[in-house]
């Protein structure tokens, strides 16, 4: 099963933007972290409908720890399959 991961950092860049990356490649920039997370969740739901794809949203917490969520964004994934 192919794995796609959207990454959203905790802190913005020097310009005050949050960068969303898909498998390490920048995709979009947002003025708020909430908008970046909403975009990643929406895109993960769309991609998750395709056969053979596991899509996760990885969000960096204030503690510096990255946590992966499935497209329902309700709870962290225990481990990757």
C-alpha atoms as a PDB file:
ATOM      1  CA  UNK A   1       0.000   0.000   0.000  1.00  0.00           C
ATOM      2  CA  UNK A   2       1.381   3.389  -0.999  1.00  0.00           C
ATOM      3  CA  UNK A   3       1.798   5.926   1.789  1.00  0.00           C
ATOM      4  CA  UNK A   4       1.222   9.681   1.436  1.00  0.00           C
ATOM      5  CA  UNK A   5       2.016  12.008   4.346  1.00  0.00           C
ATOM      6  CA  UNK A   6       1.083  15.689   4.626  1.00  0.00           C
ATOM      7  CA  UNK A   7       3.348  17.558   7.081  1.00  0.00           C
ATOM      8  CA  UNK A   8       2.347  20.740   8.944  1.00  0.00           C
ATOM      9  CA  UNK A   9       4.941  22.387  11.238  1.00  0.00           C
ATOM     10  CA  UNK A  10       4.103  24.065  14.527  1.00  0.00           C
ATOM     11  CA  UNK A  11       5.855  27.344  13.734  1.00  0.00           C
ATOM     12  CA  UNK A  12       5.509  29.510  10.622  1.00  0.00           C
ATOM     13  CA  UNK A  13       8.473  30.480   8.464  1.00  0.00           C
ATOM     14  CA  UNK A  14      10.169  33.907   8.592  1.00  0.00           C
ATOM     15  CA  UNK A  15       7.394  35.358   6.384  1.00  0.00           C
ATOM     16  CA  UNK A  16       4.720  34.139   8.807  1.00  0.00           C
ATOM     17  CA  UNK A  17       3.449  31.346   6.545  1.00  0.00           C
ATOM     18  CA  UNK A  18       2.826  27.682   7.256  1.00  0.00           C
ATOM     19  CA  UNK A  19       4.095  25.342   4.560  1.00  0.00           C
ATOM     20  CA  UNK A  20       2.293  22.087   3.859  1.00  0.00           C
ATOM     21  CA  UNK A  21       4.481  19.357   2.425  1.00  0.00           C
ATOM     22  CA  UNK A  22       3.340  16.134   0.776  1.00  0.00           C
ATOM     23  CA  UNK A  23       5.971  13.403   1.165  1.00  0.00           C
ATOM     24  CA  UNK A  24       8.599  16.084   1.757  1.00  0.00           C
ATOM     25  CA  UNK A  25       7.658  18.210  -1.269  1.00  0.00           C
ATOM     26  CA  UNK A  26       6.150  21.680  -0.608  1.00  0.00           C
ATOM     27  CA  UNK A  27       2.579  21.943  -1.916  1.00  0.00           C
ATOM     28  CA  UNK A  28       0.865  25.044  -0.485  1.00  0.00           C
ATOM     29  CA  UNK A  29       1.475  27.958   1.896  1.00  0.00           C
ATOM     30  CA  UNK A  30      -1.099  29.301   4.356  1.00  0.00           C
ATOM     31  CA  UNK A  31      -1.457  32.363   6.554  1.00  0.00           C
ATOM     32  CA  UNK A  32      -2.686  30.308   9.534  1.00  0.00           C
ATOM     33  CA  UNK A  33      -1.843  26.910  10.946  1.00  0.00           C
ATOM     34  CA  UNK A  34      -5.553  26.065  11.105  1.00  0.00           C
ATOM     35  CA  UNK A  35      -5.906  26.703   7.354  1.00  0.00           C
ATOM     36  CA  UNK A  36      -2.867  24.501   6.666  1.00  0.00           C
ATOM     37  CA  UNK A  37      -4.291  21.656   8.747  1.00  0.00           C
ATOM     38  CA  UNK A  38      -7.744  22.019   7.156  1.00  0.00           C
ATOM     39  CA  UNK A  39      -6.183  21.832   3.680  1.00  0.00           C
ATOM     40  CA  UNK A  40      -4.143  18.741   4.558  1.00  0.00           C
ATOM     41  CA  UNK A  41      -7.178  16.962   6.050  1.00  0.00           C
ATOM     42  CA  UNK A  42      -9.307  17.798   3.010  1.00  0.00           C
ATOM     43  CA  UNK A  43      -6.619  16.593   0.602  1.00  0.00           C
ATOM     44  CA  UNK A  44      -6.033  13.435   2.640  1.00  0.00           C
ATOM     45  CA  UNK A  45      -9.736  12.596   2.427  1.00  0.00           C
ATOM     46  CA  UNK A  46      -9.717  13.067  -1.348  1.00  0.00           C
ATOM     47  CA  UNK A  47      -6.571  10.995  -1.858  1.00  0.00           C
ATOM     48  CA  UNK A  48      -7.713   8.384   0.653  1.00  0.00           C
ATOM     49  CA  UNK A  49     -10.626   7.522  -1.616  1.00  0.00           C
ATOM     50  CA  UNK A  50      -8.169   6.179  -4.187  1.00  0.00           C
ATOM     51  CA  UNK A  51      -7.413   2.472  -3.974  1.00  0.00           C
ATOM     52  CA  UNK A  52      -4.078   1.466  -2.567  1.00  0.00           C
ATOM     53  CA  UNK A  53      -3.269   4.727  -0.778  1.00  0.00           C
ATOM     54  CA  UNK A  54      -2.836   5.249   2.932  1.00  0.00           C
ATOM     55  CA  UNK A  55      -2.881   8.983   3.660  1.00  0.00           C
ATOM     56  CA  UNK A  56      -1.781  10.563   6.931  1.00  0.00           C
ATOM     57  CA  UNK A  57      -1.579  14.116   8.215  1.00  0.00           C
ATOM     58  CA  UNK A  58       1.523  14.677  10.346  1.00  0.00           C
ATOM     59  CA  UNK A  59       1.269  17.678  12.679  1.00  0.00           C
ATOM     60  CA  UNK A  60       4.119  19.012  14.797  1.00  0.00           C
ATOM     61  CA  UNK A  61       3.034  19.785  18.353  1.00  0.00           C
ATOM     62  CA  UNK A  62       4.216  22.607  20.603  1.00  0.00           C
ATOM     63  CA  UNK A  63       6.481  20.029  22.258  1.00  0.00           C
ATOM     64  CA  UNK A  64       8.286  19.403  18.943  1.00  0.00           C
ATOM     65  CA  UNK A  65       6.830  15.913  18.565  1.00  0.00           C
ATOM     66  CA  UNK A  66       5.267  15.005  15.220  1.00  0.00           C
ATOM     67  CA  UNK A  67       1.989  13.086  15.398  1.00  0.00           C
ATOM     68  CA  UNK A  68       0.306  11.322  12.506  1.00  0.00           C
ATOM     69  CA  UNK A  69      -3.465  11.378  12.029  1.00  0.00           C
ATOM     70  CA  UNK A  70      -5.690   9.592   9.564  1.00  0.00           C
ATOM     71  CA  UNK A  71      -7.959  11.728   7.384  1.00  0.00           C
ATOM     72  CA  UNK A  72     -10.680  11.771  10.067  1.00  0.00           C
ATOM     73  CA  UNK A  73      -8.167  13.775  12.192  1.00  0.00           C
ATOM     74  CA  UNK A  74      -9.671  12.408  15.398  1.00  0.00           C
ATOM     75  CA  UNK A  75      -6.734  10.641  17.018  1.00  0.00           C
ATOM     76  CA  UNK A  76      -3.073   9.924  16.373  1.00  0.00           C
ATOM     77  CA  UNK A  77      -2.171   6.766  14.488  1.00  0.00           C
ATOM     78  CA  UNK A  78      -0.535   4.237  16.791  1.00  0.00           C
ATOM     79  CA  UNK A  79       1.877   2.966  14.157  1.00  0.00           C
ATOM     80  CA  UNK A  80       2.191   2.932  10.416  1.00  0.00           C
ATOM     81  CA  UNK A  81       0.963  -0.161   8.620  1.00  0.00           C
END
